[in-house]
Amino acid sequence: METVTVESIPIVVGQEEDGRWWADIESMPGVMAYGATRESAIPAVRALALRVAADCIDHGEEVPAPFAKVFAVA
């Protein structure tokens, strides 16, 4: 079985004109976070993505596609 981790989910990163950095997981609409640095935006968006996936699990909803293999049971 292929092992997929949160770290392997693609993240797009950019910088606003005011200097703030943003990180976005395009495969999960609405999952975007800001940080003062690139290094702070990336873990912020990963944490948000995990919260979204956990909320789906809590409510018996389908887990977002990027997490299908992260939470797969062999």
PDB file of N, CA and C in Angstrom:
ATOM      1  N   MET A   1       0.845  -1.190   0.000  1.00  0.00           N
ATOM      2  CA  MET A   1       0.000   0.000   0.000  1.00  0.00           C
ATOM      3  C   MET A   1       0.883   1.245   0.000  1.00  0.00           C
ATOM      4  N   GLU A   2       0.515   2.201  -0.812  1.00  0.00           N
ATOM      5  CA  GLU A   2       1.252   3.469  -0.896  1.00  0.00           C
ATOM      6  C   GLU A   2       0.998   4.293   0.376  1.00  0.00           C
ATOM      7  N   THR A   3       2.051   4.856   0.937  1.00  0.00           N
ATOM      8  CA  THR A   3       1.918   5.709   2.110  1.00  0.00           C
ATOM      9  C   THR A   3       1.835   7.158   1.657  1.00  0.00           C
ATOM     10  N   VAL A   4       0.792   7.835   2.095  1.00  0.00           N
ATOM     11  CA  VAL A   4       0.605   9.247   1.774  1.00  0.00           C
ATOM     12  C   VAL A   4       0.578  10.008   3.092  1.00  0.00           C
ATOM     13  N   THR A   5       1.303  11.102   3.153  1.00  0.00           N
ATOM     14  CA  THR A   5       1.341  11.915   4.367  1.00  0.00           C
ATOM     15  C   THR A   5       0.790  13.300   4.083  1.00  0.00           C
ATOM     16  N   VAL A   6       0.473  14.013   5.144  1.00  0.00           N
ATOM     17  CA  VAL A   6       0.005  15.388   4.992  1.00  0.00           C
ATOM     18  C   VAL A   6       1.049  16.212   4.252  1.00  0.00           C
ATOM     19  N   GLU A   7       2.311  15.927   4.504  1.00  0.00           N
ATOM     20  CA  GLU A   7       3.397  16.678   3.870  1.00  0.00           C
ATOM     21  C   GLU A   7       3.464  16.460   2.367  1.00  0.00           C
ATOM     22  N   SER A   8       2.878  15.366   1.862  1.00  0.00           N
ATOM     23  CA  SER A   8       2.952  15.087   0.424  1.00  0.00           C
ATOM     24  C   SER A   8       1.815  15.730  -0.371  1.00  0.00           C
ATOM     25  N   ILE A   9       0.858  16.363   0.304  1.00  0.00           N
ATOM     26  CA  ILE A   9      -0.251  17.034  -0.386  1.00  0.00           C
ATOM     27  C   ILE A   9       0.257  18.370  -0.944  1.00  0.00           C
ATOM     28  N   PRO A  10       0.093  18.603  -2.254  1.00  0.00           N
ATOM     29  CA  PRO A  10       0.624  19.827  -2.872  1.00  0.00           C
ATOM     30  C   PRO A  10       0.035  21.113  -2.286  1.00  0.00           C
ATOM     31  N   ILE A  11       0.914  22.071  -2.062  1.00  0.00           N
ATOM     32  CA  ILE A  11       0.549  23.383  -1.534  1.00  0.00           C
ATOM     33  C   ILE A  11       1.099  24.441  -2.479  1.00  0.00           C
ATOM     34  N   VAL A  12       0.272  25.419  -2.796  1.00  0.00           N
ATOM     35  CA  VAL A  12       0.705  26.564  -3.598  1.00  0.00           C
ATOM     36  C   VAL A  12       0.970  27.707  -2.621  1.00  0.00           C
ATOM     37  N   VAL A  13       2.105  28.393  -2.800  1.00  0.00           N
ATOM     38  CA  VAL A  13       2.507  29.462  -1.885  1.00  0.00           C
ATOM     39  C   VAL A  13       2.751  30.735  -2.683  1.00  0.00           C
ATOM     40  N   GLY A  14       2.363  31.866  -2.099  1.00  0.00           N
ATOM     41  CA  GLY A  14       2.604  33.150  -2.749  1.00  0.00           C
ATOM     42  C   GLY A  14       2.720  34.256  -1.719  1.00  0.00           C
ATOM     43  N   GLN A  15       3.067  35.424  -2.203  1.00  0.00           N
ATOM     44  CA  GLN A  15       3.248  36.571  -1.309  1.00  0.00           C
ATOM     45  C   GLN A  15       2.408  37.737  -1.795  1.00  0.00           C
ATOM     46  N   GLU A  16       1.676  38.362  -0.861  1.00  0.00           N
ATOM     47  CA  GLU A  16       0.861  39.536  -1.157  1.00  0.00           C
ATOM     48  C   GLU A  16       1.764  40.764  -1.283  1.00  0.00           C
ATOM     49  N   GLU A  17       1.234  41.830  -1.847  1.00  0.00           N
ATOM     50  CA  GLU A  17       2.002  43.073  -1.987  1.00  0.00           C
ATOM     51  C   GLU A  17       2.388  43.662  -0.633  1.00  0.00           C
ATOM     52  N   ASP A  18       1.565  43.402   0.403  1.00  0.00           N
ATOM     53  CA  ASP A  18       1.870  43.938   1.729  1.00  0.00           C
ATOM     54  C   ASP A  18       2.894  43.095   2.490  1.00  0.00           C
ATOM     55  N   GLY A  19       3.408  42.037   1.859  1.00  0.00           N
ATOM     56  CA  GLY A  19       4.457  41.222   2.469  1.00  0.00           C
ATOM     57  C   GLY A  19       3.972  39.936   3.112  1.00  0.00           C
ATOM     58  N   ARG A  20       2.658  39.814   3.354  1.00  0.00           N
ATOM     59  CA  ARG A  20       2.138  38.573   3.945  1.00  0.00           C
ATOM     60  C   ARG A  20       2.279  37.430   2.951  1.00  0.00           C
ATOM     61  N   TRP A  21       2.489  36.239   3.485  1.00  0.00           N
ATOM     62  CA  TRP A  21       2.558  35.036   2.672  1.00  0.00           C
ATOM     63  C   TRP A  21       1.256  34.275   2.796  1.00  0.00           C
ATOM     64  N   TRP A  22       0.835  33.617   1.722  1.00  0.00           N
ATOM     65  CA  TRP A  22      -0.345  32.766   1.757  1.00  0.00           C
ATOM     66  C   TRP A  22       0.025  31.382   1.263  1.00  0.00           C
ATOM     67  N   ALA A  23      -0.701  30.402   1.756  1.00  0.00           N
ATOM     68  CA  ALA A  23      -0.530  29.018   1.319  1.00  0.00           C
ATOM     69  C   ALA A  23      -1.922  28.466   1.050  1.00  0.00           C
ATOM     70  N   ASP A  24      -2.060  27.718  -0.039  1.00  0.00           N
ATOM     71  CA  ASP A  24      -3.355  27.244  -0.496  1.00  0.00           C
ATOM     72  C   ASP A  24      -3.236  25.788  -0.918  1.00  0.00           C
ATOM     73  N   ILE A  25      -4.225  24.986  -0.524  1.00  0.00           N
ATOM     74  CA  ILE A  25      -4.315  23.612  -1.015  1.00  0.00           C
ATOM     75  C   ILE A  25      -5.425  23.634  -2.054  1.00  0.00           C
ATOM     76  N   GLU A  26      -5.031  23.717  -3.313  1.00  0.00           N
ATOM     77  CA  GLU A  26      -5.996  23.905  -4.396  1.00  0.00           C
ATOM     78  C   GLU A  26      -7.002  22.774  -4.496  1.00  0.00           C
ATOM     79  N   SER A  27      -6.623  21.572  -4.096  1.00  0.00           N
ATOM     80  CA  SER A  27      -7.537  20.432  -4.190  1.00  0.00           C
ATOM     81  C   SER A  27      -8.578  20.436  -3.070  1.00  0.00           C
ATOM     82  N   MET A  28      -8.487  21.411  -2.163  1.00  0.00           N
ATOM     83  CA  MET A  28      -9.470  21.570  -1.086  1.00  0.00           C
ATOM     84  C   MET A  28      -9.950  23.023  -1.110  1.00  0.00           C
ATOM     85  N   PRO A  29     -10.975  23.322  -1.889  1.00  0.00           N
ATOM     86  CA  PRO A  29     -11.453  24.709  -1.998  1.00  0.00           C
ATOM     87  C   PRO A  29     -11.703  25.338  -0.631  1.00  0.00           C
ATOM     88  N   GLY A  30     -11.205  26.553  -0.469  1.00  0.00           N
ATOM     89  CA  GLY A  30     -11.398  27.287   0.780  1.00  0.00           C
ATOM     90  C   GLY A  30     -10.323  27.049   1.822  1.00  0.00           C
ATOM     91  N   VAL A  31      -9.432  26.103   1.569  1.00  0.00           N
ATOM     92  CA  VAL A  31      -8.363  25.829   2.543  1.00  0.00           C
ATOM     93  C   VAL A  31      -7.147  26.659   2.163  1.00  0.00           C
ATOM     94  N   MET A  32      -7.061  27.829   2.803  1.00  0.00           N
ATOM     95  CA  MET A  32      -5.995  28.790   2.555  1.00  0.00           C
ATOM     96  C   MET A  32      -5.659  29.463   3.876  1.00  0.00           C
ATOM     97  N   ALA A  33      -4.388  29.728   4.086  1.00  0.00           N
ATOM     98  CA  ALA A  33      -3.971  30.369   5.333  1.00  0.00           C
ATOM     99  C   ALA A  33      -2.874  31.386   5.034  1.00  0.00           C
ATOM    100  N   TYR A  34      -2.790  32.377   5.903  1.00  0.00           N
ATOM    101  CA  TYR A  34      -1.760  33.408   5.799  1.00  0.00           C
ATOM    102  C   TYR A  34      -0.741  33.246   6.905  1.00  0.00           C
ATOM    103  N   GLY A  35       0.453  33.784   6.660  1.00  0.00           N
ATOM    104  CA  GLY A  35       1.494  33.818   7.673  1.00  0.00           C
ATOM    105  C   GLY A  35       2.412  34.997   7.415  1.00  0.00           C
ATOM    106  N   ALA A  36       3.129  35.408   8.441  1.00  0.00           N
ATOM    107  CA  ALA A  36       4.078  36.507   8.300  1.00  0.00           C
ATOM    108  C   ALA A  36       5.249  36.101   7.414  1.00  0.00           C
ATOM    109  N   THR A  37       5.522  34.799   7.389  1.00  0.00           N
ATOM    110  CA  THR A  37       6.616  34.270   6.561  1.00  0.00           C
ATOM    111  C   THR A  37       6.095  33.063   5.779  1.00  0.00           C
ATOM    112  N   ARG A  38       6.851  32.687   4.769  1.00  0.00           N
ATOM    113  CA  ARG A  38       6.516  31.480   3.999  1.00  0.00           C
ATOM    114  C   ARG A  38       6.499  30.275   4.933  1.00  0.00           C
ATOM    115  N   GLU A  39       7.482  30.243   5.828  1.00  0.00           N
ATOM    116  CA  GLU A  39       7.639  29.124   6.753  1.00  0.00           C
ATOM    117  C   GLU A  39       6.491  29.015   7.757  1.00  0.00           C
ATOM    118  N   SER A  40       5.781  30.111   8.010  1.00  0.00           N
ATOM    119  CA  SER A  40       4.641  30.036   8.927  1.00  0.00           C
ATOM    120  C   SER A  40       3.325  29.786   8.190  1.00  0.00           C
ATOM    121  N   ALA A  41       3.235  30.159   6.929  1.00  0.00           N
ATOM    122  CA  ALA A  41       2.008  29.950   6.161  1.00  0.00           C
ATOM    123  C   ALA A  41       1.793  28.472   5.832  1.00  0.00           C
ATOM    124  N   ILE A  42       2.862  27.757   5.556  1.00  0.00           N
ATOM    125  CA  ILE A  42       2.739  26.347   5.161  1.00  0.00           C
ATOM    126  C   ILE A  42       2.173  25.481   6.292  1.00  0.00           C
ATOM    127  N   PRO A  43       2.735  25.516   7.501  1.00  0.00           N
ATOM    128  CA  PRO A  43       2.123  24.692   8.554  1.00  0.00           C
ATOM    129  C   PRO A  43       0.716  25.163   8.928  1.00  0.00           C
ATOM    130  N   ALA A  44       0.439  26.452   8.749  1.00  0.00           N
ATOM    131  CA  ALA A  44      -0.901  26.960   9.051  1.00  0.00           C
ATOM    132  C   ALA A  44      -1.931  26.354   8.107  1.00  0.00           C
ATOM    133  N   VAL A  45      -1.611  26.236   6.827  1.00  0.00           N
ATOM    134  CA  VAL A  45      -2.572  25.660   5.884  1.00  0.00           C
ATOM    135  C   VAL A  45      -2.682  24.152   6.088  1.00  0.00           C
ATOM    136  N   ARG A  46      -1.595  23.488   6.450  1.00  0.00           N
ATOM    137  CA  ARG A  46      -1.671  22.048   6.754  1.00  0.00           C
ATOM    138  C   ARG A  46      -2.575  21.804   7.956  1.00  0.00           C
ATOM    139  N   ALA A  47      -2.437  22.629   8.993  1.00  0.00           N
ATOM    140  CA  ALA A  47      -3.268  22.486  10.194  1.00  0.00           C
ATOM    141  C   ALA A  47      -4.737  22.715   9.850  1.00  0.00           C
ATOM    142  N   LEU A  48      -5.015  23.717   9.016  1.00  0.00           N
ATOM    143  CA  LEU A  48      -6.387  23.987   8.616  1.00  0.00           C
ATOM    144  C   LEU A  48      -6.964  22.803   7.836  1.00  0.00           C
ATOM    145  N   ALA A  49      -6.184  22.240   6.933  1.00  0.00           N
ATOM    146  CA  ALA A  49      -6.639  21.095   6.149  1.00  0.00           C
ATOM    147  C   ALA A  49      -6.965  19.911   7.066  1.00  0.00           C
ATOM    148  N   LEU A  50      -6.140  19.688   8.063  1.00  0.00           N
ATOM    149  CA  LEU A  50      -6.412  18.605   9.013  1.00  0.00           C
ATOM    150  C   LEU A  50      -7.688  18.878   9.799  1.00  0.00           C
ATOM    151  N   ARG A  51      -7.917  20.135  10.177  1.00  0.00           N
ATOM    152  CA  ARG A  51      -9.153  20.486  10.897  1.00  0.00           C
ATOM    153  C   ARG A  51     -10.381  20.228  10.033  1.00  0.00           C
ATOM    154  N   VAL A  52     -10.292  20.580   8.752  1.00  0.00           N
ATOM    155  CA  VAL A  52     -11.406  20.354   7.830  1.00  0.00           C
ATOM    156  C   VAL A  52     -11.668  18.851   7.704  1.00  0.00           C
ATOM    157  N   ALA A  53     -10.611  18.057   7.524  1.00  0.00           N
ATOM    158  CA  ALA A  53     -10.771  16.607   7.410  1.00  0.00           C
ATOM    159  C   ALA A  53     -11.348  16.020   8.697  1.00  0.00           C
ATOM    160  N   ALA A  54     -10.868  16.475   9.853  1.00  0.00           N
ATOM    161  CA  ALA A  54     -11.376  15.978  11.137  1.00  0.00           C
ATOM    162  C   ALA A  54     -12.847  16.319  11.311  1.00  0.00           C
ATOM    163  N   ASP A  55     -13.234  17.509  10.896  1.00  0.00           N
ATOM    164  CA  ASP A  55     -14.635  17.920  10.998  1.00  0.00           C
ATOM    165  C   ASP A  55     -15.514  17.015  10.132  1.00  0.00           C
ATOM    166  N   CYS A  56     -15.036  16.675   8.946  1.00  0.00           N
ATOM    167  CA  CYS A  56     -15.785  15.768   8.074  1.00  0.00           C
ATOM    168  C   CYS A  56     -15.943  14.400   8.740  1.00  0.00           C
ATOM    169  N   ILE A  57     -14.882  13.884   9.323  1.00  0.00           N
ATOM    170  CA  ILE A  57     -14.938  12.589  10.006  1.00  0.00           C
ATOM    171  C   ILE A  57     -15.926  12.655  11.161  1.00  0.00           C
ATOM    172  N   ASP A  58     -15.847  13.717  11.963  1.00  0.00           N
ATOM    173  CA  ASP A  58     -16.752  13.881  13.108  1.00  0.00           C
ATOM    174  C   ASP A  58     -18.221  13.876  12.697  1.00  0.00           C
ATOM    175  N   HIS A  59     -18.508  14.422  11.523  1.00  0.00           N
ATOM    176  CA  HIS A  59     -19.894  14.554  11.082  1.00  0.00           C
ATOM    177  C   HIS A  59     -20.316  13.470  10.088  1.00  0.00           C
ATOM    178  N   GLY A  60     -19.478  12.460   9.906  1.00  0.00           N
ATOM    179  CA  GLY A  60     -19.816  11.358   9.015  1.00  0.00           C
ATOM    180  C   GLY A  60     -19.858  11.731   7.552  1.00  0.00           C
ATOM    181  N   GLU A  61     -19.151  12.799   7.203  1.00  0.00           N
ATOM    182  CA  GLU A  61     -19.107  13.255   5.820  1.00  0.00           C
ATOM    183  C   GLU A  61     -17.889  12.666   5.120  1.00  0.00           C
ATOM    184  N   GLU A  62     -17.907  12.730   3.807  1.00  0.00           N
ATOM    185  CA  GLU A  62     -16.782  12.235   3.025  1.00  0.00           C
ATOM    186  C   GLU A  62     -15.542  13.081   3.307  1.00  0.00           C
ATOM    187  N   VAL A  63     -14.419  12.411   3.522  1.00  0.00           N
ATOM    188  CA  VAL A  63     -13.151  13.098   3.759  1.00  0.00           C
ATOM    189  C   VAL A  63     -12.675  13.688   2.435  1.00  0.00           C
ATOM    190  N   PRO A  64     -12.200  14.945   2.427  1.00  0.00           N
ATOM    191  CA  PRO A  64     -11.713  15.554   1.183  1.00  0.00           C
ATOM    192  C   PRO A  64     -10.686  14.668   0.478  1.00  0.00           C
ATOM    193  N   ALA A  65     -10.727  14.670  -0.835  1.00  0.00           N
ATOM    194  CA  ALA A  65      -9.911  13.805  -1.662  1.00  0.00           C
ATOM    195  C   ALA A  65      -8.427  13.724  -1.266  1.00  0.00           C
ATOM    196  N   PRO A  66      -7.759  14.835  -0.969  1.00  0.00           N
ATOM    197  CA  PRO A  66      -6.341  14.715  -0.639  1.00  0.00           C
ATOM    198  C   PRO A  66      -6.066  13.828   0.580  1.00  0.00           C
ATOM    199  N   PHE A  67      -7.083  13.654   1.428  1.00  0.00           N
ATOM    200  CA  PHE A  67      -6.879  12.878   2.645  1.00  0.00           C
ATOM    201  C   PHE A  67      -7.389  11.446   2.534  1.00  0.00           C
ATOM    202  N   ALA A  68      -7.935  11.073   1.399  1.00  0.00           N
ATOM    203  CA  ALA A  68      -8.472   9.726   1.245  1.00  0.00           C
ATOM    204  C   ALA A  68      -7.420   8.666   1.563  1.00  0.00           C
ATOM    205  N   LYS A  69      -6.192   8.858   1.102  1.00  0.00           N
ATOM    206  CA  LYS A  69      -5.142   7.877   1.365  1.00  0.00           C
ATOM    207  C   LYS A  69      -4.436   8.135   2.699  1.00  0.00           C
ATOM    208  N   VAL A  70      -4.455   9.364   3.173  1.00  0.00           N
ATOM    209  CA  VAL A  70      -3.829   9.665   4.466  1.00  0.00           C
ATOM    210  C   VAL A  70      -4.540   8.885   5.563  1.00  0.00           C
ATOM    211  N   PHE A  71      -5.867   8.809   5.468  1.00  0.00           N
ATOM    212  CA  PHE A  71      -6.666   8.141   6.503  1.00  0.00           C
ATOM    213  C   PHE A  71      -7.116   6.745   6.077  1.00  0.00           C
ATOM    214  N   ALA A  72      -6.545   6.185   5.013  1.00  0.00           N
ATOM    215  CA  ALA A  72      -6.951   4.868   4.533  1.00  0.00           C
ATOM    216  C   ALA A  72      -6.584   3.795   5.550  1.00  0.00           C
ATOM    217  N   VAL A  73      -7.436   2.795   5.645  1.00  0.00           N
ATOM    218  CA  VAL A  73      -7.187   1.650   6.526  1.00  0.00           C
ATOM    219  C   VAL A  73      -6.897   0.457   5.651  1.00  0.00           C
ATOM    220  N   ALA A  74      -5.766  -0.185   5.916  1.00  0.00           N
ATOM    221  CA  ALA A  74      -5.356  -1.346   5.100  1.00  0.00           C
ATOM    222  C   ALA A  74      -6.040  -2.606   5.588  1.00  0.00           C
TER     223      ALA A  74
END
